[in-house]
Amino acid sequence: MPDTNKRRVWAIVPGAGIGSRMGSERPKQYLELAGRTILEHTLERLLDQEEIHAVLPVIRPDDPYWPEVRGRLGAHPKLLGEAPGGQERADSVANGLAALTHRTTQDLVLIHDAVRPCIRAEEVRAVIATAGETGGAILAVPVADTLKRVDGEGRIEATVDRAGLWRAQTPQVFPAGILEEALEAARAQPAPATDEASLLERVGYPVQVVAGREDNLKVTRPEDLALAELFLGAR
């Protein structure tokens, strides 16, 4: 594997979410995008990544859609079985990490949202390389819009200084041992967390930002589907 530290890279793809904001009967990772489900696009991009040793999806135990998707993906040598999804995202990632029984504490673990199907190979390569050098890295995009703090009735309270503000994306990559420590700390003292970098921040580990692209969008709302299809078609 082309990693300067000769450490394996294991990818975990949390895919146990319901996606209520999409307003569809199916969870958003199973919506069709350019002839395949969003989850298939995402997994195939990671499976094609030379730097990644293996890919592990995290799926709800009672998920009725996964068996069909798994069948279409076929017997890919890098695609592991699946780990069970948990109640919260951190629980799902912890379940995935526990299922990687052949990893070492120094191996790198890459976490990527199931509904970011437009990730580019060069972005994955860059965040893996940076994590190998610094001990933890995420893709992110600097905030360009003017930010407003708004009250519960929709009135503007203040304009927020955007200097130094970035929007976190995935992949996020960390040494397995450090990620495990951060997840254990979160389990001991639960608090809301929407990404893994925030868990590392709480236990004092630095995380490096790698500049990403706007087309690595997270499919969350109906209008995102058209954008994602446009981005995929432009490749």
C-alpha atoms as a PDB file:
ATOM      1  CA  MET A   1       0.000   0.000   0.000  1.00  0.00           C
ATOM      2  CA  PRO A   2       1.404   3.414  -0.936  1.00  0.00           C
ATOM      3  CA  ASP A   3       1.499   4.828   2.593  1.00  0.00           C
ATOM      4  CA  THR A   4       4.694   6.463   3.812  1.00  0.00           C
ATOM      5  CA  ASN A   5       4.315   4.972   7.273  1.00  0.00           C
ATOM      6  CA  LYS A   6       3.447   1.464   5.930  1.00  0.00           C
ATOM      7  CA  ARG A   7       0.259   1.528   7.960  1.00  0.00           C
ATOM      8  CA  ARG A   8      -2.906   0.011   6.597  1.00  0.00           C
ATOM      9  CA  VAL A   9      -5.929   2.241   6.047  1.00  0.00           C
ATOM     10  CA  TRP A  10      -9.322   0.836   7.022  1.00  0.00           C
ATOM     11  CA  ALA A  11     -12.459   2.670   5.854  1.00  0.00           C
ATOM     12  CA  ILE A  12     -15.656   2.760   7.916  1.00  0.00           C
ATOM     13  CA  VAL A  13     -18.819   4.005   6.196  1.00  0.00           C
ATOM     14  CA  PRO A  14     -21.636   4.819   8.662  1.00  0.00           C
ATOM     15  CA  GLY A  15     -24.793   3.971   6.724  1.00  0.00           C
ATOM     16  CA  ALA A  16     -27.354   3.397   9.468  1.00  0.00           C
ATOM     17  CA  GLY A  17     -29.063   6.793   9.327  1.00  0.00           C
ATOM     18  CA  ILE A  18     -32.716   7.367   8.488  1.00  0.00           C
ATOM     19  CA  GLY A  19     -32.371  10.768   6.797  1.00  0.00           C
ATOM     20  CA  SER A  20     -35.696  12.342   7.791  1.00  0.00           C
ATOM     21  CA  ARG A  21     -34.842  15.693   6.170  1.00  0.00           C
ATOM     22  CA  MET A  22     -34.968  14.067   2.731  1.00  0.00           C
ATOM     23  CA  GLY A  23     -38.704  13.428   3.152  1.00  0.00           C
ATOM     24  CA  SER A  24     -38.646  10.057   1.344  1.00  0.00           C
ATOM     25  CA  GLU A  25     -39.775   6.572   2.329  1.00  0.00           C
ATOM     26  CA  ARG A  26     -36.307   5.135   1.774  1.00  0.00           C
ATOM     27  CA  PRO A  27     -33.297   6.233   3.810  1.00  0.00           C
ATOM     28  CA  LYS A  28     -31.354   8.716   1.715  1.00  0.00           C
ATOM     29  CA  GLN A  29     -28.355   6.405   1.209  1.00  0.00           C
ATOM     30  CA  TYR A  30     -30.645   4.113  -0.801  1.00  0.00           C
ATOM     31  CA  LEU A  31     -32.057   6.763  -3.119  1.00  0.00           C
ATOM     32  CA  GLU A  32     -31.141   6.355  -6.771  1.00  0.00           C
ATOM     33  CA  LEU A  33     -28.440   8.539  -8.257  1.00  0.00           C
ATOM     34  CA  ALA A  34     -27.347   8.049 -11.873  1.00  0.00           C
ATOM     35  CA  GLY A  35     -28.728   4.512 -11.978  1.00  0.00           C
ATOM     36  CA  ARG A  36     -27.363   3.258  -8.655  1.00  0.00           C
ATOM     37  CA  THR A  37     -27.979   3.956  -4.997  1.00  0.00           C
ATOM     38  CA  ILE A  38     -26.015   6.714  -3.296  1.00  0.00           C
ATOM     39  CA  LEU A  39     -24.443   4.110  -1.008  1.00  0.00           C
ATOM     40  CA  GLU A  40     -23.172   2.090  -3.975  1.00  0.00           C
ATOM     41  CA  HIS A  41     -21.472   5.149  -5.457  1.00  0.00           C
ATOM     42  CA  THR A  42     -19.841   5.943  -2.116  1.00  0.00           C
ATOM     43  CA  LEU A  43     -18.606   2.417  -1.432  1.00  0.00           C
ATOM     44  CA  GLU A  44     -17.296   1.936  -4.964  1.00  0.00           C
ATOM     45  CA  ARG A  45     -15.237   5.116  -4.776  1.00  0.00           C
ATOM     46  CA  LEU A  46     -13.562   3.918  -1.594  1.00  0.00           C
ATOM     47  CA  LEU A  47     -13.103   0.369  -2.903  1.00  0.00           C
ATOM     48  CA  ASP A  48     -11.327   1.790  -5.960  1.00  0.00           C
ATOM     49  CA  GLN A  49      -8.931   3.806  -3.786  1.00  0.00           C
ATOM     50  CA  GLU A  50      -5.489   2.191  -3.911  1.00  0.00           C
ATOM     51  CA  GLU A  51      -4.494   3.513  -0.486  1.00  0.00           C
ATOM     52  CA  ILE A  52      -7.416   1.830   1.294  1.00  0.00           C
ATOM     53  CA  HIS A  53      -6.878  -1.725   2.553  1.00  0.00           C
ATOM     54  CA  ALA A  54     -10.536  -2.609   3.267  1.00  0.00           C
ATOM     55  CA  VAL A  55     -13.973  -1.002   3.493  1.00  0.00           C
ATOM     56  CA  LEU A  56     -16.553  -1.753   6.192  1.00  0.00           C
ATOM     57  CA  PRO A  57     -20.150  -0.479   5.916  1.00  0.00           C
ATOM     58  CA  VAL A  58     -22.103   0.050   9.150  1.00  0.00           C
ATOM     59  CA  ILE A  59     -25.740  -0.888   8.583  1.00  0.00           C
ATOM     60  CA  ARG A  60     -28.900  -1.070  10.697  1.00  0.00           C
ATOM     61  CA  PRO A  61     -29.489  -4.703  11.711  1.00  0.00           C
ATOM     62  CA  ASP A  62     -33.068  -4.620  10.364  1.00  0.00           C
ATOM     63  CA  ASP A  63     -32.181  -2.757   7.155  1.00  0.00           C
ATOM     64  CA  PRO A  64     -34.352  -4.224   4.351  1.00  0.00           C
ATOM     65  CA  TYR A  65     -32.474  -2.473   1.528  1.00  0.00           C
ATOM     66  CA  TRP A  66     -28.884  -3.485   2.252  1.00  0.00           C
ATOM     67  CA  PRO A  67     -29.012  -7.149   1.072  1.00  0.00           C
ATOM     68  CA  GLU A  68     -29.894  -6.093  -2.476  1.00  0.00           C
ATOM     69  CA  VAL A  69     -27.159  -3.460  -2.563  1.00  0.00           C
ATOM     70  CA  ARG A  70     -24.645  -5.915  -1.116  1.00  0.00           C
ATOM     71  CA  GLY A  71     -25.548  -8.402  -3.821  1.00  0.00           C
ATOM     72  CA  ARG A  72     -24.985  -5.869  -6.591  1.00  0.00           C
ATOM     73  CA  LEU A  73     -21.573  -4.933  -5.198  1.00  0.00           C
ATOM     74  CA  GLY A  74     -20.476  -8.551  -5.559  1.00  0.00           C
ATOM     75  CA  ALA A  75     -17.556 -10.343  -3.954  1.00  0.00           C
ATOM     76  CA  HIS A  76     -15.085  -7.463  -3.903  1.00  0.00           C
ATOM     77  CA  PRO A  77     -11.914  -8.541  -2.057  1.00  0.00           C
ATOM     78  CA  LYS A  78     -11.732  -5.247  -0.140  1.00  0.00           C
ATOM     79  CA  LEU A  79     -15.386  -5.148   0.925  1.00  0.00           C
ATOM     80  CA  LEU A  80     -15.817  -6.606   4.393  1.00  0.00           C
ATOM     81  CA  GLY A  81     -19.148  -7.788   5.818  1.00  0.00           C
ATOM     82  CA  GLU A  82     -21.089  -5.185   7.753  1.00  0.00           C
ATOM     83  CA  ALA A  83     -21.049  -3.934  11.318  1.00  0.00           C
ATOM     84  CA  PRO A  84     -24.330  -3.168  13.118  1.00  0.00           C
ATOM     85  CA  GLY A  85     -25.413   0.438  13.353  1.00  0.00           C
ATOM     86  CA  GLY A  86     -25.856   2.049  16.757  1.00  0.00           C
ATOM     87  CA  GLN A  87     -28.253   4.568  18.230  1.00  0.00           C
ATOM     88  CA  GLU A  88     -25.941   7.524  17.540  1.00  0.00           C
ATOM     89  CA  ARG A  89     -23.241   8.102  14.941  1.00  0.00           C
ATOM     90  CA  ALA A  90     -20.469   7.601  17.515  1.00  0.00           C
ATOM     91  CA  ASP A  91     -22.009   4.246  18.446  1.00  0.00           C
ATOM     92  CA  SER A  92     -21.985   3.155  14.806  1.00  0.00           C
ATOM     93  CA  VAL A  93     -18.358   4.181  14.347  1.00  0.00           C
ATOM     94  CA  ALA A  94     -17.414   2.388  17.576  1.00  0.00           C
ATOM     95  CA  ASN A  95     -19.162  -0.758  16.338  1.00  0.00           C
ATOM     96  CA  GLY A  96     -17.281  -0.515  13.072  1.00  0.00           C
ATOM     97  CA  LEU A  97     -13.964  -0.034  14.821  1.00  0.00           C
ATOM     98  CA  ALA A  98     -14.618  -3.040  17.069  1.00  0.00           C
ATOM     99  CA  ALA A  99     -15.353  -5.167  13.999  1.00  0.00           C
ATOM    100  CA  LEU A 100     -11.928  -4.407  12.493  1.00  0.00           C
ATOM    101  CA  THR A 101     -10.282  -7.187  14.468  1.00  0.00           C
ATOM    102  CA  HIS A 102      -7.108  -7.333  12.348  1.00  0.00           C
ATOM    103  CA  ARG A 103      -6.171  -3.666  12.698  1.00  0.00           C
ATOM    104  CA  THR A 104      -3.356  -2.361  14.879  1.00  0.00           C
ATOM    105  CA  THR A 105      -3.517   0.755  17.036  1.00  0.00           C
ATOM    106  CA  GLN A 106      -1.177   2.472  14.573  1.00  0.00           C
ATOM    107  CA  ASP A 107      -3.234   1.659  11.482  1.00  0.00           C
ATOM    108  CA  LEU A 108      -5.283   4.535  10.115  1.00  0.00           C
ATOM    109  CA  VAL A 109      -9.075   4.514  10.175  1.00  0.00           C
ATOM    110  CA  LEU A 110     -10.928   6.573   7.586  1.00  0.00           C
ATOM    111  CA  ILE A 111     -14.558   7.489   8.271  1.00  0.00           C
ATOM    112  CA  HIS A 112     -16.657   8.672   5.343  1.00  0.00           C
ATOM    113  CA  ASP A 113     -20.338   9.599   5.212  1.00  0.00           C
ATOM    114  CA  ALA A 114     -22.471   7.129   3.254  1.00  0.00           C
ATOM    115  CA  VAL A 115     -24.178  10.055   1.522  1.00  0.00           C
ATOM    116  CA  ARG A 116     -21.087  11.796   0.146  1.00  0.00           C
ATOM    117  CA  PRO A 117     -20.887   9.957  -3.199  1.00  0.00           C
ATOM    118  CA  CYS A 118     -18.894  12.595  -5.088  1.00  0.00           C
ATOM    119  CA  ILE A 119     -15.609  12.314  -3.193  1.00  0.00           C
ATOM    120  CA  ARG A 120     -12.544  12.515  -5.448  1.00  0.00           C
ATOM    121  CA  ALA A 121      -9.601  10.116  -5.298  1.00  0.00           C
ATOM    122  CA  GLU A 122      -7.096  12.945  -4.899  1.00  0.00           C
ATOM    123  CA  GLU A 123      -8.986  14.278  -1.864  1.00  0.00           C
ATOM    124  CA  VAL A 124      -8.954  10.859  -0.204  1.00  0.00           C
ATOM    125  CA  ARG A 125      -5.250  10.537  -0.954  1.00  0.00           C
ATOM    126  CA  ALA A 126      -4.492  13.971   0.494  1.00  0.00           C
ATOM    127  CA  VAL A 127      -6.353  13.478   3.770  1.00  0.00           C
ATOM    128  CA  ILE A 128      -4.781  10.027   4.292  1.00  0.00           C
ATOM    129  CA  ALA A 129      -1.294  11.418   3.675  1.00  0.00           C
ATOM    130  CA  THR A 130      -1.858  14.347   6.045  1.00  0.00           C
ATOM    131  CA  ALA A 131      -3.230  12.095   8.781  1.00  0.00           C
ATOM    132  CA  GLY A 132      -0.189   9.859   8.426  1.00  0.00           C
ATOM    133  CA  GLU A 133       2.076  12.864   8.957  1.00  0.00           C
ATOM    134  CA  THR A 134       0.157  14.757  11.660  1.00  0.00           C
ATOM    135  CA  GLY A 135      -1.879  12.174  13.578  1.00  0.00           C
ATOM    136  CA  GLY A 136      -5.341  13.189  12.390  1.00  0.00           C
ATOM    137  CA  ALA A 137      -6.887  15.038   9.453  1.00  0.00           C
ATOM    138  CA  ILE A 138     -10.245  15.905   7.925  1.00  0.00           C
ATOM    139  CA  LEU A 139     -11.459  17.413   4.693  1.00  0.00           C
ATOM    140  CA  ALA A 140     -13.074  20.808   5.151  1.00  0.00           C
ATOM    141  CA  VAL A 141     -14.059  23.891   3.176  1.00  0.00           C
ATOM    142  CA  PRO A 142     -13.525  27.479   4.371  1.00  0.00           C
ATOM    143  CA  VAL A 143     -16.751  29.376   5.028  1.00  0.00           C
ATOM    144  CA  ALA A 144     -17.375  31.907   2.250  1.00  0.00           C
ATOM    145  CA  ASP A 145     -20.909  33.104   3.034  1.00  0.00           C
ATOM    146  CA  THR A 146     -21.815  35.781   5.555  1.00  0.00           C
ATOM    147  CA  LEU A 147     -22.998  34.078   8.742  1.00  0.00           C
ATOM    148  CA  LYS A 148     -25.951  35.308  10.799  1.00  0.00           C
ATOM    149  CA  ARG A 149     -27.015  34.224  14.271  1.00  0.00           C
ATOM    150  CA  VAL A 150     -30.828  34.080  14.319  1.00  0.00           C
ATOM    151  CA  ASP A 151     -33.302  33.787  17.195  1.00  0.00           C
ATOM    152  CA  GLY A 152     -36.167  31.311  17.443  1.00  0.00           C
ATOM    153  CA  GLU A 153     -38.491  33.626  15.513  1.00  0.00           C
ATOM    154  CA  GLY A 154     -36.162  34.108  12.553  1.00  0.00           C
ATOM    155  CA  ARG A 155     -34.795  37.529  13.507  1.00  0.00           C
ATOM    156  CA  ILE A 156     -31.110  38.266  13.067  1.00  0.00           C
ATOM    157  CA  GLU A 157     -29.301  38.727  16.365  1.00  0.00           C
ATOM    158  CA  ALA A 158     -25.742  39.174  15.108  1.00  0.00           C
ATOM    159  CA  THR A 159     -23.337  38.709  12.220  1.00  0.00           C
ATOM    160  CA  VAL A 160     -20.735  36.067  13.024  1.00  0.00           C
ATOM    161  CA  ASP A 161     -17.097  36.638  12.142  1.00  0.00           C
ATOM    162  CA  ARG A 162     -16.272  33.939   9.585  1.00  0.00           C
ATOM    163  CA  ALA A 163     -12.500  34.336   9.883  1.00  0.00           C
ATOM    164  CA  GLY A 164     -10.989  30.945  10.635  1.00  0.00           C
ATOM    165  CA  LEU A 165     -14.289  29.092  10.203  1.00  0.00           C
ATOM    166  CA  TRP A 166     -14.389  25.925   8.098  1.00  0.00           C
ATOM    167  CA  ARG A 167     -17.204  23.516   7.222  1.00  0.00           C
ATOM    168  CA  ALA A 168     -16.167  19.987   8.136  1.00  0.00           C
ATOM    169  CA  GLN A 169     -16.557  17.238   5.555  1.00  0.00           C
ATOM    170  CA  THR A 170     -15.485  13.620   5.348  1.00  0.00           C
ATOM    171  CA  PRO A 171     -13.311  11.602   4.985  1.00  0.00           C
ATOM    172  CA  GLN A 172     -11.859  12.044   8.458  1.00  0.00           C
ATOM    173  CA  VAL A 173      -8.770   9.945   9.179  1.00  0.00           C
ATOM    174  CA  PHE A 174      -7.132   9.071  12.515  1.00  0.00           C
ATOM    175  CA  PRO A 175      -4.858   6.423  14.029  1.00  0.00           C
ATOM    176  CA  ALA A 176      -7.046   3.577  15.282  1.00  0.00           C
ATOM    177  CA  GLY A 177      -5.754   3.764  18.856  1.00  0.00           C
ATOM    178  CA  ILE A 178      -6.464   7.482  19.180  1.00  0.00           C
ATOM    179  CA  LEU A 179      -9.920   7.127  17.651  1.00  0.00           C
ATOM    180  CA  GLU A 180     -10.699   4.282  20.048  1.00  0.00           C
ATOM    181  CA  GLU A 181      -9.631   6.426  23.017  1.00  0.00           C
ATOM    182  CA  ALA A 182     -11.828   9.307  21.849  1.00  0.00           C
ATOM    183  CA  LEU A 183     -14.835   7.018  21.382  1.00  0.00           C
ATOM    184  CA  GLU A 184     -14.373   5.501  24.837  1.00  0.00           C
ATOM    185  CA  ALA A 185     -14.222   8.988  26.370  1.00  0.00           C
ATOM    186  CA  ALA A 186     -17.425   9.936  24.547  1.00  0.00           C
ATOM    187  CA  ARG A 187     -19.122   6.826  25.882  1.00  0.00           C
ATOM    188  CA  ALA A 188     -18.055   7.697  29.433  1.00  0.00           C
ATOM    189  CA  GLN A 189     -19.231  11.311  29.145  1.00  0.00           C
ATOM    190  CA  PRO A 190     -21.888  11.519  26.413  1.00  0.00           C
ATOM    191  CA  ALA A 191     -22.323  14.808  24.576  1.00  0.00           C
ATOM    192  CA  PRO A 192     -23.682  15.688  21.130  1.00  0.00           C
ATOM    193  CA  ALA A 193     -21.169  15.102  18.328  1.00  0.00           C
ATOM    194  CA  THR A 194     -21.783  15.188  14.598  1.00  0.00           C
ATOM    195  CA  ASP A 195     -18.303  14.152  13.513  1.00  0.00           C
ATOM    196  CA  GLU A 196     -15.295  12.238  14.791  1.00  0.00           C
ATOM    197  CA  ALA A 197     -12.921  15.219  14.837  1.00  0.00           C
ATOM    198  CA  SER A 198     -14.986  16.806  17.609  1.00  0.00           C
ATOM    199  CA  LEU A 199     -14.452  13.694  19.730  1.00  0.00           C
ATOM    200  CA  LEU A 200     -10.685  13.968  19.311  1.00  0.00           C
ATOM    201  CA  GLU A 201     -10.843  17.665  20.170  1.00  0.00           C
ATOM    202  CA  ARG A 202     -12.452  16.806  23.511  1.00  0.00           C
ATOM    203  CA  VAL A 203      -9.593  14.532  24.540  1.00  0.00           C
ATOM    204  CA  GLY A 204      -6.935  17.005  23.435  1.00  0.00           C
ATOM    205  CA  TYR A 205      -5.665  15.577  20.156  1.00  0.00           C
ATOM    206  CA  PRO A 206      -4.898  18.038  17.343  1.00  0.00           C
ATOM    207  CA  VAL A 207      -6.624  17.512  14.001  1.00  0.00           C
ATOM    208  CA  GLN A 208      -5.349  19.016  10.753  1.00  0.00           C
ATOM    209  CA  VAL A 209      -7.648  20.504   8.105  1.00  0.00           C
ATOM    210  CA  VAL A 210      -7.141  19.587   4.446  1.00  0.00           C
ATOM    211  CA  ALA A 211      -8.866  21.876   1.952  1.00  0.00           C
ATOM    212  CA  GLY A 212     -11.692  20.057   0.196  1.00  0.00           C
ATOM    213  CA  ARG A 213     -14.084  20.968  -2.598  1.00  0.00           C
ATOM    214  CA  GLU A 214     -17.682  22.130  -2.683  1.00  0.00           C
ATOM    215  CA  ASP A 215     -18.670  19.196  -4.911  1.00  0.00           C
ATOM    216  CA  ASN A 216     -18.017  16.753  -2.050  1.00  0.00           C
ATOM    217  CA  LEU A 217     -21.532  17.500  -0.906  1.00  0.00           C
ATOM    218  CA  LYS A 218     -23.538  15.577   1.668  1.00  0.00           C
ATOM    219  CA  VAL A 219     -26.861  14.553   0.143  1.00  0.00           C
ATOM    220  CA  THR A 220     -29.326  15.734   2.769  1.00  0.00           C
ATOM    221  CA  ARG A 221     -32.236  17.416   0.977  1.00  0.00           C
ATOM    222  CA  PRO A 222     -34.088  16.661  -2.282  1.00  0.00           C
ATOM    223  CA  GLU A 223     -32.298  19.429  -4.180  1.00  0.00           C
ATOM    224  CA  ASP A 224     -28.938  17.843  -3.340  1.00  0.00           C
ATOM    225  CA  LEU A 225     -29.740  14.843  -5.558  1.00  0.00           C
ATOM    226  CA  ALA A 226     -29.755  16.949  -8.721  1.00  0.00           C
ATOM    227  CA  LEU A 227     -26.493  18.608  -7.733  1.00  0.00           C
ATOM    228  CA  ALA A 228     -24.825  15.277  -6.969  1.00  0.00           C
ATOM    229  CA  GLU A 229     -25.927  13.858 -10.317  1.00  0.00           C
ATOM    230  CA  LEU A 230     -24.527  16.934 -12.049  1.00  0.00           C
ATOM    231  CA  PHE A 231     -21.182  16.571 -10.258  1.00  0.00           C
ATOM    232  CA  LEU A 232     -20.940  12.847 -11.031  1.00  0.00           C
ATOM    233  CA  GLY A 233     -21.809  13.428 -14.676  1.00  0.00           C
ATOM    234  CA  ALA A 234     -19.022  15.994 -15.006  1.00  0.00           C
ATOM    235  CA  ARG A 235     -16.310  13.472 -14.022  1.00  0.00           C
END
